Amino acid sequence: MAVNHTLQVIIEHDKDGYFAYVPELKGCHSQGDSMEEVMKNIKEAIDLYWSTLG
């Protein structure tokens, strides 16, 4: 059964690219060279985080 949950994702940008993290999910973060890449990567990180909770 799928459960929907709204999460806040913080995205920061600097000269090296983009960094994203989810304050509610300790240790859940990712990076990318573009906004599109960091969004794809943080979605994958969130999925992996949930999968570790069993």
C-alpha atoms as a PDB file:
ATOM      1  CA  MET A   1       0.000   0.000   0.000  1.00  0.00           C
ATOM      2  CA  ALA A   2       1.412   3.402  -1.001  1.00  0.00           C
ATOM      3  CA  VAL A   3       1.394   6.224   1.513  1.00  0.00           C
ATOM      4  CA  ASN A   4       1.737   9.848   0.447  1.00  0.00           C
ATOM      5  CA  HIS A   5       3.795  12.142   2.636  1.00  0.00           C
ATOM      6  CA  THR A   6       4.780  15.760   1.974  1.00  0.00           C
ATOM      7  CA  LEU A   7       8.430  16.535   2.669  1.00  0.00           C
ATOM      8  CA  GLN A   8      10.304  19.821   2.628  1.00  0.00           C
ATOM      9  CA  VAL A   9      13.346  19.725   0.332  1.00  0.00           C
ATOM     10  CA  ILE A  10      15.946  22.478   0.753  1.00  0.00           C
ATOM     11  CA  ILE A  11      18.024  23.240  -2.340  1.00  0.00           C
ATOM     12  CA  GLU A  12      21.113  25.423  -2.208  1.00  0.00           C
ATOM     13  CA  HIS A  13      23.176  26.643  -5.148  1.00  0.00           C
ATOM     14  CA  ASP A  14      26.804  27.733  -5.249  1.00  0.00           C
ATOM     15  CA  LYS A  15      29.677  27.818  -7.733  1.00  0.00           C
ATOM     16  CA  ASP A  16      30.071  24.022  -7.498  1.00  0.00           C
ATOM     17  CA  GLY A  17      26.454  23.166  -8.335  1.00  0.00           C
ATOM     18  CA  TYR A  18      23.333  22.305  -6.367  1.00  0.00           C
ATOM     19  CA  PHE A  19      22.941  20.619  -2.988  1.00  0.00           C
ATOM     20  CA  ALA A  20      19.623  19.295  -1.657  1.00  0.00           C
ATOM     21  CA  TYR A  21      18.591  17.861   1.687  1.00  0.00           C
ATOM     22  CA  VAL A  22      15.449  16.833   3.550  1.00  0.00           C
ATOM     23  CA  PRO A  23      15.437  18.163   7.135  1.00  0.00           C
ATOM     24  CA  GLU A  24      12.884  15.540   8.244  1.00  0.00           C
ATOM     25  CA  LEU A  25      15.048  12.639   7.027  1.00  0.00           C
ATOM     26  CA  LYS A  26      18.386  12.690   8.835  1.00  0.00           C
ATOM     27  CA  GLY A  27      21.223  12.031   6.412  1.00  0.00           C
ATOM     28  CA  CYS A  28      19.052  12.296   3.295  1.00  0.00           C
ATOM     29  CA  HIS A  29      20.867  14.583   0.884  1.00  0.00           C
ATOM     30  CA  SER A  30      22.160  14.723  -2.661  1.00  0.00           C
ATOM     31  CA  GLN A  31      23.841  16.982  -5.192  1.00  0.00           C
ATOM     32  CA  GLY A  32      23.848  17.749  -8.897  1.00  0.00           C
ATOM     33  CA  ASP A  33      25.257  20.034 -11.560  1.00  0.00           C
ATOM     34  CA  SER A  34      21.808  21.403 -12.499  1.00  0.00           C
ATOM     35  CA  MET A  35      18.423  21.911 -10.856  1.00  0.00           C
ATOM     36  CA  GLU A  36      17.023  19.032 -12.917  1.00  0.00           C
ATOM     37  CA  GLU A  37      19.822  16.714 -11.841  1.00  0.00           C
ATOM     38  CA  VAL A  38      19.597  17.570  -8.140  1.00  0.00           C
ATOM     39  CA  MET A  39      15.803  17.091  -8.204  1.00  0.00           C
ATOM     40  CA  LYS A  40      16.193  13.665  -9.825  1.00  0.00           C
ATOM     41  CA  ASN A  41      18.921  12.727  -7.354  1.00  0.00           C
ATOM     42  CA  ILE A  42      17.074  13.856  -4.213  1.00  0.00           C
ATOM     43  CA  LYS A  43      13.958  11.935  -5.290  1.00  0.00           C
ATOM     44  CA  GLU A  44      16.131   8.837  -5.620  1.00  0.00           C
ATOM     45  CA  ALA A  45      17.730   9.521  -2.218  1.00  0.00           C
ATOM     46  CA  ILE A  46      14.280   9.827  -0.609  1.00  0.00           C
ATOM     47  CA  ASP A  47      13.164   6.536  -2.173  1.00  0.00           C
ATOM     48  CA  LEU A  48      16.323   4.826  -0.921  1.00  0.00           C
ATOM     49  CA  TYR A  49      15.839   6.310   2.548  1.00  0.00           C
ATOM     50  CA  TRP A  50      12.277   4.952   2.775  1.00  0.00           C
ATOM     51  CA  SER A  51      13.406   1.537   1.499  1.00  0.00           C
ATOM     52  CA  THR A  52      15.881   1.205   4.383  1.00  0.00           C
ATOM     53  CA  LEU A  53      13.064   1.560   6.905  1.00  0.00           C
ATOM     54  CA  GLY A  54      11.602  -1.736   5.740  1.00  0.00           C
END
